[in-house]
Amino acid sequence: MQKICILMGKFKIRTKMIVLLLLTVAYAIVVTLVARNGFQEMAKCSTQDAAQAVSSQQIGMLITISAIFLVIFIVIGAMVTYDLVYSLGRAAAYGKRVADGDLTAKVAESFVTRKDSVGDLAKSFEDIHTNLQGLIGTIGTQAGELEQIVAQTNENANVIAEEVMNVSAST
């Protein structure tokens, strides 16, 4: 199923919806042509029985075509749905790991390279991760500098305290 997600990730959601729309239009065209052909065949029939046979044949063909398109719609719909649910689940799991403090977590490369909204989300998560690491590095550096300033201030305070003691002792 992960291969399906990788395949589905190569196309934007817009593209997937356009494909479904085009399939719907193709279905409508095929059904219309089959029905028109059936009406023309029925018009050519000289007897009621022949027209009924043609009608039954055309209805069978329409049912077959409808079943084929229905299966195609179900398969594509299931693939799109699975891809979105699986990908968003992975994104949520990654977000939870980072929220729990695991900054070693990485976004899977298969999600970052996607060309759809899930790929955009993965890239955003990756940017957030990079910015958090940079921010934590900056905080660490500034904490070290602050520690040096506090140590220097303590040393200066000790020197001043000694001088105050010396002045106090001499007076």
Protein backbone atom coordinates (compact mmCIF):
# COMPACT_ATOMS: atom_id res chain seq x y z
CA MET A 1 0.00 0.00 0.00
CA GLN A 2 2.93 2.35 0.58
CA LYS A 3 3.67 2.09 -3.16
CA ILE A 4 0.16 3.36 -3.81
CA CYS A 5 0.87 6.36 -1.55
CA ILE A 6 4.10 7.06 -3.41
CA LEU A 7 2.28 6.78 -6.76
CA MET A 8 -0.62 8.93 -5.55
CA GLY A 9 1.82 11.49 -4.15
CA LYS A 10 3.09 12.25 -7.63
CA PHE A 11 -0.17 14.05 -8.43
CA LYS A 12 -1.85 17.00 -6.74
CA ILE A 13 -5.29 16.42 -5.24
CA ARG A 14 -6.65 18.76 -7.92
CA THR A 15 -5.30 16.41 -10.61
CA LYS A 16 -6.88 13.41 -8.91
CA MET A 17 -10.24 15.17 -8.81
CA ILE A 18 -9.92 16.17 -12.48
CA VAL A 19 -9.26 12.52 -13.39
CA LEU A 20 -12.41 11.49 -11.53
CA LEU A 21 -14.36 14.25 -13.30
CA LEU A 22 -13.02 13.13 -16.70
CA LEU A 23 -13.97 9.54 -15.89
CA THR A 24 -17.47 10.71 -15.04
CA VAL A 25 -17.70 12.58 -18.34
CA ALA A 26 -16.34 9.53 -20.19
CA TYR A 27 -18.96 7.37 -18.48
CA ALA A 28 -21.75 9.77 -19.49
CA ILE A 29 -20.52 9.82 -23.10
CA VAL A 30 -20.24 6.03 -23.34
CA VAL A 31 -23.69 5.50 -21.83
CA THR A 32 -25.18 8.10 -24.15
CA LEU A 33 -23.57 6.50 -27.23
CA VAL A 34 -24.69 3.01 -26.23
CA ALA A 35 -28.25 4.22 -25.56
CA ARG A 36 -28.35 6.11 -28.87
CA ASN A 37 -27.05 3.07 -30.70
CA GLY A 38 -29.70 0.96 -28.97
CA PHE A 39 -32.49 3.32 -30.01
CA GLN A 40 -31.23 3.27 -33.60
CA GLU A 41 -31.12 -0.54 -33.59
CA MET A 42 -34.60 -0.71 -32.10
CA ALA A 43 -35.91 1.65 -34.80
CA LYS A 44 -34.57 -0.71 -37.46
CA CYS A 45 -36.40 -3.70 -35.97
CA SER A 46 -39.51 -4.81 -37.81
CA THR A 47 -41.08 -6.83 -35.02
CA GLN A 48 -41.84 -6.27 -31.38
CA ASP A 49 -39.79 -9.34 -30.38
CA ALA A 50 -36.71 -8.12 -32.26
CA ALA A 51 -37.00 -4.69 -30.63
CA GLN A 52 -37.33 -6.31 -27.22
CA ALA A 53 -34.24 -8.46 -27.85
CA VAL A 54 -32.24 -5.40 -28.89
CA SER A 55 -33.57 -3.54 -25.85
CA SER A 56 -32.50 -6.38 -23.51
CA GLN A 57 -29.09 -6.51 -25.15
CA GLN A 58 -28.61 -2.74 -24.76
CA ILE A 59 -29.73 -2.84 -21.12
CA GLY A 60 -27.23 -5.63 -20.45
CA MET A 61 -24.49 -3.59 -22.11
CA LEU A 62 -25.41 -0.48 -20.07
CA ILE A 63 -25.35 -2.51 -16.86
CA THR A 64 -21.94 -3.97 -17.77
CA ILE A 65 -20.52 -0.54 -18.62
CA SER A 66 -21.97 0.93 -15.42
CA ALA A 67 -20.47 -1.90 -13.35
CA ILE A 68 -17.03 -1.42 -14.94
CA PHE A 69 -17.06 2.33 -14.30
CA LEU A 70 -18.38 1.78 -10.76
CA VAL A 71 -15.46 -0.55 -10.00
CA ILE A 72 -13.02 2.00 -11.45
CA PHE A 73 -14.57 4.80 -9.35
CA ILE A 74 -14.47 2.67 -6.20
CA VAL A 75 -10.82 1.66 -6.75
CA ILE A 76 -9.64 5.20 -7.48
CA GLY A 77 -11.74 6.64 -4.62
CA ALA A 78 -10.37 4.03 -2.21
CA MET A 79 -6.80 4.74 -3.32
CA VAL A 80 -7.20 8.51 -2.88
CA THR A 81 -8.90 8.06 0.50
CA TYR A 82 -6.32 5.55 1.77
CA ASP A 83 -3.49 7.78 0.60
CA LEU A 84 -4.84 10.82 2.43
CA VAL A 85 -5.73 8.95 5.63
CA TYR A 86 -2.39 7.07 5.73
CA SER A 87 -0.35 10.19 4.96
CA LEU A 88 -2.16 12.38 7.48
CA GLY A 89 -1.77 9.64 10.09
CA ARG A 90 1.98 9.58 9.48
CA ALA A 91 2.13 13.39 9.64
CA ALA A 92 0.21 13.39 12.94
CA ALA A 93 2.54 10.73 14.39
CA TYR A 94 5.58 12.79 13.36
CA GLY A 95 4.06 15.96 14.84
CA LYS A 96 3.38 14.12 18.11
CA ARG A 97 6.99 12.89 18.32
CA VAL A 98 8.32 16.42 17.86
CA ALA A 99 5.73 17.81 20.29
CA ASP A 100 6.91 15.23 22.84
CA GLY A 101 10.45 16.59 22.48
CA ASP A 102 11.99 14.10 20.04
CA LEU A 103 13.95 16.42 17.79
CA THR A 104 15.77 13.48 16.23
CA ALA A 105 12.59 12.53 14.37
CA LYS A 106 12.81 12.97 10.62
CA VAL A 107 10.10 13.35 8.01
CA ALA A 108 10.16 10.37 5.65
CA GLU A 109 11.76 11.32 2.34
CA SER A 110 8.84 9.75 0.45
CA PHE A 111 6.57 12.42 1.95
CA VAL A 112 8.88 15.39 1.43
CA THR A 113 9.25 14.63 -2.29
CA ARG A 114 5.50 14.38 -2.90
CA LYS A 115 4.02 16.92 -5.29
CA ASP A 116 0.68 17.27 -3.51
CA SER A 117 -0.65 18.93 -0.35
CA VAL A 118 0.75 16.12 1.81
CA GLY A 119 4.22 16.91 0.41
CA ASP A 120 3.69 20.59 1.20
CA LEU A 121 2.71 19.63 4.76
CA ALA A 122 5.79 17.39 5.09
CA LYS A 123 8.06 20.21 3.85
CA SER A 124 6.47 22.57 6.40
CA PHE A 125 7.09 20.04 9.18
CA GLU A 126 10.68 19.70 8.03
CA ASP A 127 11.08 23.51 8.10
CA ILE A 128 9.56 23.66 11.60
CA HIS A 129 11.98 20.92 12.70
CA THR A 130 14.98 22.79 11.26
CA ASN A 131 13.87 26.08 12.84
CA LEU A 132 13.36 24.41 16.24
CA GLN A 133 16.84 22.90 16.11
CA GLY A 134 18.30 26.30 15.19
CA LEU A 135 16.34 28.00 17.96
CA ILE A 136 17.47 25.43 20.53
CA GLY A 137 21.07 25.84 19.33
CA THR A 138 20.79 29.61 19.71
CA ILE A 139 19.31 29.24 23.19
CA GLY A 140 22.15 26.89 24.14
CA THR A 141 24.76 29.35 22.88
CA GLN A 142 23.11 32.27 24.68
CA ALA A 143 22.83 30.21 27.88
CA GLY A 144 26.58 29.55 27.71
CA GLU A 145 27.28 33.24 27.21
CA LEU A 146 24.94 34.11 30.10
CA GLU A 147 26.73 31.57 32.30
CA GLN A 148 30.05 33.29 31.53
CA ILE A 149 28.54 36.69 32.36
CA VAL A 150 27.16 35.37 35.66
CA ALA A 151 30.54 33.83 36.52
CA GLN A 152 32.29 37.13 35.71
CA THR A 153 29.70 39.05 37.76
CA ASN A 154 30.25 36.68 40.71
CA GLU A 155 33.98 37.15 40.44
CA ASN A 156 33.56 40.94 40.35
CA ALA A 157 31.18 40.79 43.33
CA ASN A 158 33.75 38.76 45.28
CA VAL A 159 36.48 41.27 44.45
CA ILE A 160 34.24 44.16 45.55
CA ALA A 161 33.31 42.30 48.75
CA GLU A 162 37.01 41.77 49.54
CA GLU A 163 37.77 45.43 48.95
CA VAL A 164 34.83 46.47 51.16
CA MET A 165 36.18 44.15 53.88
CA ASN A 166 39.67 45.65 53.50
CA VAL A 167 38.32 49.22 53.71
CA SER A 168 36.17 48.25 56.67
CA ALA A 169 39.13 46.64 58.47
CA SER A 170 41.38 49.64 57.94
CA THR A 171 38.92 52.16 59.37
